[in-house]
Amino acid sequence: MKTPSAPRPSRSPSRSGAFARVIDGGLRVARRVDRFARANVLWLLVGVVLVAFLMPDVAARLLARRHLFSVPLTSLHYEPRTLALAIIVLSASLRYRPRDLARVFRSNGGFANLLSVYVVVPAMTVAIAIALIATRSPELRAVATGLVLCVLMPVAMTSAVWTRASRGSVTLALGTLALTSALAVFLIPIALGRIPGAHLRAVDSASGIRAQVVVAFALPLVLGMALRAAVPGLAKRLETPLSLLSVLSLLLSVADCTGALKPHLRMPLHLIVAAGVVTVSANALAFGVGYLVARLRGLGERETISVVFASGMRSTPAAMVVGILAFPDAPLVALAPILWSVSQQLLAGIVTRQMLLARESVDETAPMAVRQRAWPPPRRAEQDALVDASRSETAVELEESLVMPLVRRFNDTLDESGDGGIADLLADTLVQSPRAKLTHLSAVIRRRELL
């Protein structure tokens, strides 16, 4: 006769399990909010600009200059503005490792970025400035000086947000940020010494720029990559909340710049209109120049996106500070950086929306005639590879014509889900047969598209 077994104790969820479920639920909500914010960032941006223009004191109070906390063992400290920029850089750097960034400096995309940022865009801006100076108007001369100051500054840290929102190469964006921020410390004082009418005390502000580079870029960049390398699980869980915080930081920065524009509206209307037309036109041309340089260098879609944003976006708060210090008797010099700061965010939102719409409207499996209408248009080499893929006979040709485009597409898919950087590892660890790689990648992509 079987003895009755003792009743099993009821399984009540532990506190740790309940806490984990709460965290997971919060992350899911944050992920949805982040996805909504990035999909509608242009309209959020327009709304923030309107609110900040009507109530400029709100953003000014939130980002007022005050000591928040200090960096241990140093004299460096964070203020609201530098903390907002640091959050943007930390959010982007959590997805990458030091070796990903090191590859940027040896890549064709890195050279194209530097060519556009330091040669082509400055040459175009100087040509516009010379044309303004030729009018012999002191007001337009001040606007021209402000434009030159804008292109002397490093690439804006908010460009990393737009690059990721457009599914571009964030590693290339971070590498460009690192290099231009480091070079700005040395190039700005040299360039200021060659601008007529600049006061020498602006050169002393290089130390302030250097401190801003360290606290707003270098420290969060090192911290994010260190977390990714040492504790990838924690870095993965931090991606979503920091991504949402980076969007909020971007909107606050835009509100701050828009609020700074309102006091300048007391100037004569014709000066404001002239400065606005010239500045917005120069900014739009900078975006276009970046695209042309990237295509002439034969870059792919992700690298092209990064070059476009790096070319059109500059650290305008630094330009405002330098303009006020170097030209205290010409307040119009600060007007161009303020206008540029607003226009670059609006133009970036427009570019991002157009690129995302182009991607959504064009299926990768559609005929080439349809894919050619997508932005950016595919390179001729990629078109030829797709057309000739069916005629490939050797394993090497199959690897180059079919597998690598699938790896790039798989990388894009992973970026959408926050798993950027795994595609390189996958391509290295899969079996060596190109046909096996092709079959496996196709199956994974189909699975993800059906989810």
Protein backbone atom coordinates (compact mmCIF):
# COMPACT_ATOMS: atom_id res chain seq x y z
CA MET A 1 0.00 0.00 0.00
CA LYS A 2 1.42 3.32 -1.11
CA THR A 3 1.87 5.92 1.52
CA PRO A 4 0.48 9.30 0.55
CA SER A 5 3.22 11.66 -0.46
CA ALA A 6 3.69 14.85 1.43
CA PRO A 7 2.04 17.84 -0.21
CA ARG A 8 4.42 19.95 -2.20
CA PRO A 9 4.93 23.45 -0.89
CA SER A 10 3.34 26.11 -3.04
CA ARG A 11 5.81 27.90 -5.20
CA SER A 12 5.52 31.53 -4.34
CA PRO A 13 7.61 33.85 -6.47
CA SER A 14 10.71 35.04 -4.71
CA ARG A 15 11.38 38.67 -4.21
CA SER A 16 14.32 38.54 -6.58
CA GLY A 17 12.16 36.95 -9.27
CA ALA A 18 9.45 39.57 -8.85
CA PHE A 19 12.05 42.33 -8.94
CA ALA A 20 13.55 40.87 -12.13
CA ARG A 21 10.12 40.80 -13.76
CA VAL A 22 9.52 44.42 -12.80
CA ILE A 23 12.88 45.38 -14.32
CA ASP A 24 12.14 43.43 -17.51
CA GLY A 25 8.71 45.05 -17.77
CA GLY A 26 10.23 48.48 -17.31
CA LEU A 27 12.81 47.75 -19.99
CA ARG A 28 10.09 46.65 -22.41
CA VAL A 29 8.18 49.88 -21.81
CA ALA A 30 11.37 51.93 -22.20
CA ARG A 31 12.16 50.07 -25.42
CA ARG A 32 8.75 50.92 -26.86
CA VAL A 33 9.02 54.57 -25.83
CA ASP A 34 12.53 54.74 -27.28
CA ARG A 35 11.34 53.20 -30.55
CA PHE A 36 8.44 55.67 -30.72
CA ALA A 37 10.73 58.64 -29.97
CA ARG A 38 13.20 57.66 -32.67
CA ALA A 39 10.48 57.02 -35.23
CA ASN A 40 8.92 60.44 -34.56
CA VAL A 41 12.04 62.40 -33.65
CA LEU A 42 11.45 65.05 -36.34
CA TRP A 43 8.03 65.99 -34.95
CA LEU A 44 9.32 65.91 -31.39
CA LEU A 45 12.11 68.21 -32.51
CA VAL A 46 9.71 70.69 -34.12
CA GLY A 47 7.56 70.68 -30.99
CA VAL A 48 10.55 71.27 -28.73
CA VAL A 49 11.74 74.17 -30.91
CA LEU A 50 8.31 75.83 -30.75
CA VAL A 51 7.98 75.37 -26.98
CA ALA A 52 11.53 76.59 -26.35
CA PHE A 53 10.95 79.61 -28.56
CA LEU A 54 7.78 80.54 -26.68
CA MET A 55 9.20 79.70 -23.23
CA PRO A 56 12.99 80.06 -23.48
CA ASP A 57 13.44 80.23 -19.70
CA VAL A 58 12.35 76.60 -19.18
CA ALA A 59 15.38 75.01 -20.88
CA ALA A 60 17.65 77.73 -19.50
CA ARG A 61 16.63 76.83 -15.94
CA LEU A 62 17.03 73.09 -16.53
CA LEU A 63 20.48 73.49 -18.07
CA ALA A 64 21.63 76.48 -16.02
CA ARG A 65 25.34 76.45 -15.31
CA ARG A 66 25.86 74.84 -11.91
CA HIS A 67 28.12 72.27 -10.33
CA LEU A 68 26.50 68.81 -10.30
CA PHE A 69 29.32 66.48 -9.25
CA SER A 70 33.09 66.16 -9.61
CA VAL A 71 35.20 63.47 -11.23
CA PRO A 72 37.06 61.66 -8.41
CA LEU A 73 40.76 62.51 -8.00
CA THR A 74 40.55 65.35 -10.55
CA SER A 75 39.51 68.99 -10.72
CA LEU A 76 37.01 68.19 -13.48
CA HIS A 77 33.31 68.47 -12.81
CA TYR A 78 30.01 68.03 -14.62
CA GLU A 79 27.43 70.71 -15.37
CA PRO A 80 23.97 70.03 -16.84
CA ARG A 81 25.06 70.76 -20.42
CA THR A 82 28.18 68.57 -20.29
CA LEU A 83 26.23 65.80 -18.56
CA ALA A 84 23.65 65.81 -21.37
CA LEU A 85 26.41 65.42 -23.96
CA ALA A 86 28.11 62.72 -21.87
CA ILE A 87 24.89 60.68 -21.77
CA ILE A 88 24.70 60.80 -25.57
CA VAL A 89 28.28 59.54 -25.94
CA LEU A 90 27.87 56.88 -23.24
CA SER A 91 24.72 55.52 -24.89
CA ALA A 92 26.51 55.16 -28.22
CA SER A 93 29.76 53.73 -26.83
CA LEU A 94 28.03 50.93 -24.87
CA ARG A 95 27.52 49.04 -28.13
CA TYR A 96 31.14 48.87 -29.22
CA ARG A 97 34.56 47.64 -28.16
CA PRO A 98 37.92 49.38 -28.49
CA ARG A 99 38.90 47.24 -31.47
CA ASP A 100 35.76 48.40 -33.33
CA LEU A 101 36.87 52.02 -32.88
CA ALA A 102 40.46 51.24 -33.86
CA ARG A 103 39.30 49.89 -37.22
CA VAL A 104 37.75 53.27 -38.04
CA PHE A 105 41.10 55.06 -38.25
CA ARG A 106 42.32 52.57 -40.88
CA SER A 107 39.13 52.58 -42.93
CA ASN A 108 38.13 54.39 -46.10
CA GLY A 109 35.16 55.84 -44.20
CA GLY A 110 37.42 57.49 -41.63
CA PHE A 111 39.45 59.16 -44.37
CA ALA A 112 36.28 60.33 -46.14
CA ASN A 113 34.97 61.83 -42.90
CA LEU A 114 38.17 63.78 -42.26
CA LEU A 115 38.31 64.89 -45.90
CA SER A 116 34.79 66.27 -45.71
CA VAL A 117 35.02 67.75 -42.18
CA TYR A 118 38.43 69.44 -42.50
CA VAL A 119 38.85 70.15 -46.23
CA VAL A 120 35.71 70.27 -48.38
CA VAL A 121 33.17 71.77 -45.95
CA PRO A 122 35.61 74.45 -44.62
CA ALA A 123 36.61 75.37 -48.18
CA MET A 124 32.95 75.80 -49.14
CA THR A 125 32.24 77.86 -45.99
CA VAL A 126 35.27 80.11 -46.51
CA ALA A 127 34.08 80.78 -50.08
CA ILE A 128 30.67 81.84 -48.72
CA ALA A 129 32.38 84.01 -46.08
CA ILE A 130 34.53 85.74 -48.70
CA ALA A 131 31.40 86.52 -50.72
CA LEU A 132 29.74 88.03 -47.63
CA ILE A 133 32.82 90.10 -46.76
CA ALA A 134 32.91 91.43 -50.33
CA THR A 135 29.59 93.19 -49.68
CA ARG A 136 31.49 95.51 -47.26
CA SER A 137 28.65 95.25 -44.76
CA PRO A 138 29.95 95.02 -41.15
CA GLU A 139 26.90 92.99 -40.16
CA LEU A 140 27.39 90.40 -42.92
CA ARG A 141 31.10 90.34 -42.11
CA ALA A 142 30.18 89.32 -38.54
CA VAL A 143 27.88 86.59 -39.89
CA ALA A 144 30.72 85.36 -42.11
CA THR A 145 33.03 85.17 -39.11
CA GLY A 146 30.42 83.17 -37.21
CA LEU A 147 30.14 80.69 -40.09
CA VAL A 148 33.91 80.17 -40.11
CA LEU A 149 33.85 79.57 -36.35
CA CYS A 150 31.18 76.89 -36.83
CA VAL A 151 33.27 74.79 -39.22
CA LEU A 152 36.35 75.15 -36.99
CA MET A 153 34.57 73.30 -34.20
CA PRO A 154 34.62 69.50 -33.76
CA VAL A 155 31.76 67.33 -34.96
CA ALA A 156 28.68 67.64 -32.74
CA MET A 157 28.26 64.84 -30.22
CA THR A 158 24.56 64.71 -31.07
CA SER A 159 25.55 63.39 -34.51
CA ALA A 160 25.96 59.96 -32.89
CA VAL A 161 22.26 59.99 -31.96
CA TRP A 162 21.18 60.81 -35.52
CA THR A 163 23.61 58.29 -37.01
CA ARG A 164 22.15 55.52 -34.88
CA ALA A 165 18.57 56.66 -35.54
CA SER A 166 19.29 56.45 -39.28
CA ARG A 167 20.97 53.03 -38.85
CA GLY A 168 24.35 54.31 -39.94
CA SER A 169 27.81 53.32 -38.76
CA VAL A 170 27.98 54.46 -35.14
CA THR A 171 31.57 53.22 -34.81
CA LEU A 172 32.59 55.56 -37.64
CA ALA A 173 30.67 58.40 -35.96
CA LEU A 174 32.40 57.79 -32.62
CA GLY A 175 35.82 57.56 -34.25
CA THR A 176 35.24 60.87 -36.01
CA LEU A 177 34.06 62.45 -32.75
CA ALA A 178 37.19 61.26 -30.97
CA LEU A 179 39.59 62.56 -33.61
CA THR A 180 37.91 65.92 -34.28
CA SER A 181 37.52 66.60 -30.54
CA ALA A 182 41.23 65.94 -29.97
CA LEU A 183 42.32 68.02 -32.97
CA ALA A 184 40.06 70.95 -32.02
CA VAL A 185 42.13 71.64 -28.91
CA PHE A 186 45.12 72.46 -31.13
CA LEU A 187 43.46 73.78 -34.31
CA ILE A 188 41.10 76.35 -32.77
CA PRO A 189 43.78 78.59 -31.17
CA ILE A 190 45.87 78.47 -34.37
CA ALA A 191 42.91 79.35 -36.59
CA LEU A 192 41.73 82.16 -34.30
CA GLY A 193 45.12 83.82 -34.57
CA ARG A 194 44.53 84.16 -38.32
CA ILE A 195 41.05 85.72 -38.14
CA PRO A 196 41.22 89.54 -38.26
CA GLY A 197 39.82 91.25 -35.18
CA ALA A 198 39.95 88.23 -32.87
CA HIS A 199 40.97 88.99 -29.29
CA LEU A 200 43.83 86.93 -27.91
CA ARG A 201 41.94 86.05 -24.75
CA ALA A 202 39.84 83.65 -26.81
CA VAL A 203 42.95 81.52 -27.20
CA ASP A 204 42.91 81.05 -23.43
CA SER A 205 39.54 79.36 -23.79
CA ALA A 206 41.32 76.36 -25.33
CA SER A 207 41.81 75.01 -21.81
CA GLY A 208 38.06 75.21 -21.29
CA ILE A 209 37.46 73.40 -24.57
CA ARG A 210 39.98 70.74 -23.53
CA ALA A 211 38.15 70.18 -20.23
CA GLN A 212 34.82 69.95 -22.06
CA VAL A 213 36.25 67.32 -24.43
CA VAL A 214 37.46 65.23 -21.48
CA VAL A 215 34.27 65.27 -19.38
CA ALA A 216 31.72 65.23 -22.22
CA PHE A 217 33.44 62.81 -24.59
CA ALA A 218 36.58 61.02 -23.41
CA LEU A 219 35.35 59.78 -20.01
CA PRO A 220 31.94 58.44 -21.15
CA LEU A 221 33.56 56.90 -24.25
CA VAL A 222 36.10 54.97 -22.16
CA LEU A 223 33.46 54.01 -19.57
CA GLY A 224 31.00 52.70 -22.16
CA MET A 225 33.57 50.61 -24.02
CA ALA A 226 35.03 49.29 -20.76
CA LEU A 227 31.57 48.14 -19.63
CA ARG A 228 30.99 46.47 -22.99
CA ALA A 229 34.28 44.59 -22.75
CA ALA A 230 34.17 43.69 -19.03
CA VAL A 231 30.47 43.12 -18.29
CA PRO A 232 28.61 42.77 -21.62
CA GLY A 233 25.44 41.60 -19.84
CA LEU A 234 25.18 44.82 -17.84
CA ALA A 235 26.03 46.90 -20.91
CA LYS A 236 23.24 45.16 -22.81
CA ARG A 237 20.66 45.95 -20.11
CA LEU A 238 21.77 49.59 -19.93
CA GLU A 239 21.41 50.16 -23.68
CA THR A 240 17.66 50.80 -23.72
CA PRO A 241 17.37 53.26 -20.79
CA LEU A 242 20.48 55.15 -21.90
CA SER A 243 19.19 55.25 -25.47
CA LEU A 244 16.00 56.90 -24.24
CA LEU A 245 17.99 59.30 -22.06
CA SER A 246 20.16 60.22 -25.06
CA VAL A 247 17.06 61.26 -27.02
CA LEU A 248 15.89 63.38 -24.07
CA SER A 249 19.36 64.93 -23.82
CA LEU A 250 19.25 65.76 -27.52
CA LEU A 251 15.87 67.48 -27.17
CA LEU A 252 17.08 69.46 -24.15
CA SER A 253 20.17 70.60 -26.05
CA VAL A 254 18.01 71.75 -28.96
CA ALA A 255 15.69 73.61 -26.57
CA ASP A 256 18.69 75.33 -24.99
CA CYS A 257 20.02 76.51 -28.36
CA THR A 258 16.57 77.67 -29.48
CA GLY A 259 16.12 79.69 -26.30
CA ALA A 260 19.45 81.41 -26.94
CA LEU A 261 18.16 82.57 -30.33
CA LYS A 262 15.24 84.67 -29.04
CA PRO A 263 17.25 87.64 -27.64
CA HIS A 264 18.85 88.14 -31.07
CA LEU A 265 15.43 88.69 -32.64
CA ARG A 266 15.51 92.29 -31.40
CA MET A 267 17.94 93.05 -34.23
CA PRO A 268 16.69 94.56 -37.51
CA LEU A 269 14.56 92.09 -39.43
CA HIS A 270 16.59 92.25 -42.64
CA LEU A 271 19.76 91.22 -40.76
CA ILE A 272 18.01 88.26 -39.14
CA VAL A 273 16.59 87.13 -42.49
CA ALA A 274 19.95 87.50 -44.25
CA ALA A 275 21.81 85.66 -41.49
CA GLY A 276 19.18 82.92 -41.42
CA VAL A 277 19.19 82.34 -45.18
CA VAL A 278 22.98 82.28 -45.38
CA THR A 279 23.46 80.03 -42.34
CA VAL A 280 20.76 77.49 -43.20
CA SER A 281 21.96 77.35 -46.82
CA ALA A 282 25.56 76.75 -45.73
CA ASN A 283 24.40 74.07 -43.29
CA ALA A 284 22.32 72.30 -45.94
CA LEU A 285 25.24 72.45 -48.38
CA ALA A 286 27.47 70.87 -45.71
CA PHE A 287 25.10 67.90 -45.46
CA GLY A 288 25.07 67.60 -49.26
CA VAL A 289 28.86 67.85 -49.49
CA GLY A 290 29.19 64.99 -47.01
CA TYR A 291 26.97 62.81 -49.18
CA LEU A 292 28.93 63.64 -52.34
CA VAL A 293 32.29 62.95 -50.70
CA ALA A 294 31.05 59.61 -49.37
CA ARG A 295 29.72 58.48 -52.73
CA LEU A 296 32.85 59.63 -54.58
CA ARG A 297 34.93 57.60 -52.12
CA GLY A 298 32.74 54.57 -52.86
CA LEU A 299 31.41 54.11 -49.32
CA GLY A 300 28.51 51.85 -48.43
CA GLU A 301 25.17 52.99 -47.09
CA ARG A 302 26.00 52.87 -43.37
CA GLU A 303 29.29 54.75 -43.77
CA THR A 304 27.64 57.31 -46.06
CA ILE A 305 25.07 58.11 -43.38
CA SER A 306 27.83 58.72 -40.83
CA VAL A 307 29.75 61.03 -43.17
CA VAL A 308 26.60 63.02 -43.97
CA PHE A 309 25.88 63.80 -40.31
CA ALA A 310 29.53 64.45 -39.43
CA SER A 311 29.80 66.95 -42.29
CA GLY A 312 26.67 68.90 -41.42
CA MET A 313 26.78 68.93 -37.62
CA ARG A 314 29.19 70.94 -35.46
CA SER A 315 29.66 71.62 -31.75
CA THR A 316 27.91 74.99 -31.93
CA PRO A 317 27.91 75.70 -28.15
CA ALA A 318 31.71 75.83 -28.32
CA ALA A 319 31.44 78.15 -31.34
CA MET A 320 29.11 80.46 -29.39
CA VAL A 321 31.50 80.66 -26.43
CA VAL A 322 34.54 81.29 -28.63
CA GLY A 323 32.63 83.89 -30.66
CA ILE A 324 31.57 85.82 -27.55
CA LEU A 325 35.11 85.74 -26.12
CA ALA A 326 36.95 86.52 -29.35
CA PHE A 327 34.58 89.19 -30.68
CA PRO A 328 33.00 90.97 -27.69
CA ASP A 329 32.26 94.06 -29.78
CA ALA A 330 30.40 92.12 -32.51
CA PRO A 331 27.42 90.25 -30.99
CA LEU A 332 26.28 89.23 -34.48
CA VAL A 333 29.19 86.76 -34.62
CA ALA A 334 27.32 84.51 -32.16
CA LEU A 335 24.15 84.62 -34.29
CA ALA A 336 25.45 82.23 -36.97
CA PRO A 337 26.39 79.46 -34.47
CA ILE A 338 22.98 79.81 -32.79
CA LEU A 339 21.15 79.53 -36.12
CA TRP A 340 23.40 76.64 -37.17
CA SER A 341 22.65 74.81 -33.90
CA VAL A 342 18.91 74.87 -34.60
CA SER A 343 19.09 74.24 -38.35
CA GLN A 344 21.47 71.27 -38.06
CA GLN A 345 19.06 69.44 -35.77
CA LEU A 346 16.04 70.15 -37.97
CA LEU A 347 17.95 69.16 -41.12
CA ALA A 348 19.21 66.02 -39.39
CA GLY A 349 15.63 65.12 -38.47
CA ILE A 350 14.50 65.63 -42.07
CA VAL A 351 17.38 63.54 -43.45
CA THR A 352 16.73 60.76 -40.92
CA ARG A 353 13.04 60.63 -41.74
CA GLN A 354 13.69 60.48 -45.49
CA MET A 355 16.24 57.69 -45.11
CA LEU A 356 13.99 55.61 -42.87
CA LEU A 357 11.04 56.07 -45.21
CA ALA A 358 13.22 55.02 -48.14
CA ARG A 359 14.27 51.86 -46.30
CA GLU A 360 10.71 50.98 -45.32
CA SER A 361 9.35 51.48 -48.84
CA VAL A 362 11.99 49.37 -50.59
CA ASP A 363 12.22 45.64 -49.91
CA GLU A 364 15.66 44.08 -50.18
CA THR A 365 14.16 41.30 -52.31
CA ALA A 366 12.55 43.72 -54.78
CA PRO A 367 13.86 43.98 -58.34
CA MET A 368 16.92 46.12 -58.92
CA ALA A 369 14.85 48.72 -60.80
CA VAL A 370 12.90 49.34 -57.59
CA ARG A 371 15.95 49.26 -55.30
CA GLN A 372 17.68 51.92 -57.38
CA ARG A 373 15.11 54.45 -56.18
CA ALA A 374 16.16 53.97 -52.54
CA TRP A 375 18.36 56.49 -50.70
CA PRO A 376 21.31 56.32 -50.90
CA PRO A 377 21.36 54.62 -54.32
CA PRO A 378 23.45 51.42 -54.38
CA ARG A 379 26.94 51.64 -55.77
CA ARG A 380 27.53 50.32 -59.27
CA ALA A 381 29.80 47.61 -57.88
CA GLU A 382 26.99 46.38 -55.61
CA GLN A 383 24.54 46.36 -58.51
CA ASP A 384 26.93 44.33 -60.64
CA ALA A 385 27.49 41.88 -57.79
CA LEU A 386 23.75 41.32 -57.41
CA VAL A 387 23.21 40.90 -61.15
CA ASP A 388 26.13 38.51 -61.61
CA ALA A 389 25.48 36.49 -58.44
CA SER A 390 23.52 33.82 -60.27
CA ARG A 391 26.42 33.33 -62.68
CA SER A 392 29.08 32.87 -59.98
CA GLU A 393 30.75 29.49 -60.23
CA THR A 394 33.54 29.58 -57.67
CA ALA A 395 33.24 29.70 -53.89
CA VAL A 396 35.23 32.93 -53.75
CA GLU A 397 32.85 34.69 -56.13
CA LEU A 398 29.87 33.44 -54.14
CA GLU A 399 31.43 34.76 -50.90
CA GLU A 400 31.99 38.22 -52.37
CA SER A 401 28.73 38.58 -54.27
CA LEU A 402 26.15 37.05 -51.91
CA VAL A 403 27.47 36.34 -48.43
CA MET A 404 28.94 39.77 -47.63
CA PRO A 405 25.79 41.71 -48.67
CA LEU A 406 23.83 39.35 -46.40
CA VAL A 407 26.27 40.00 -43.56
CA ARG A 408 25.69 43.74 -44.00
CA ARG A 409 21.94 43.23 -44.03
CA PHE A 410 22.14 41.00 -40.96
CA ASN A 411 24.16 43.73 -39.23
CA ASP A 412 21.40 46.24 -40.00
CA THR A 413 18.81 43.83 -38.56
CA LEU A 414 20.84 43.42 -35.39
CA ASP A 415 21.23 47.18 -35.02
CA GLU A 416 17.46 47.52 -34.98
CA SER A 417 17.23 45.12 -32.04
CA GLY A 418 20.21 46.58 -30.17
CA ASP A 419 22.68 43.74 -30.87
CA GLY A 420 25.13 45.73 -32.98
CA GLY A 421 28.56 44.29 -33.47
CA ILE A 422 27.59 40.59 -33.41
CA ALA A 423 27.54 40.23 -37.20
CA ASP A 424 31.34 40.44 -37.40
CA LEU A 425 31.67 37.65 -34.83
CA LEU A 426 29.06 35.58 -36.65
CA ALA A 427 30.86 35.93 -39.97
CA ASP A 428 34.12 34.78 -38.36
CA THR A 429 32.75 31.81 -36.39
CA LEU A 430 30.45 30.24 -38.97
CA VAL A 431 31.72 27.29 -40.95
CA GLN A 432 34.12 28.21 -43.72
CA SER A 433 31.91 27.08 -46.59
CA PRO A 434 30.43 30.17 -48.29
CA ARG A 435 27.31 28.23 -49.22
CA ALA A 436 26.79 27.23 -45.58
CA LYS A 437 27.20 30.87 -44.51
CA LEU A 438 24.66 31.94 -47.11
CA THR A 439 22.11 29.33 -46.05
CA HIS A 440 22.49 30.07 -42.34
CA LEU A 441 22.30 33.85 -42.69
CA SER A 442 19.25 33.65 -44.97
CA ALA A 443 17.45 31.45 -42.44
CA VAL A 444 18.27 33.80 -39.54
CA ILE A 445 17.09 36.87 -41.46
CA ARG A 446 13.83 35.16 -42.46
CA ARG A 447 13.25 34.15 -38.83
CA ARG A 448 13.75 37.71 -37.60
CA GLU A 449 11.45 39.16 -40.25
CA LEU A 450 8.67 36.74 -39.22
CA LEU A 451 8.90 37.68 -35.51
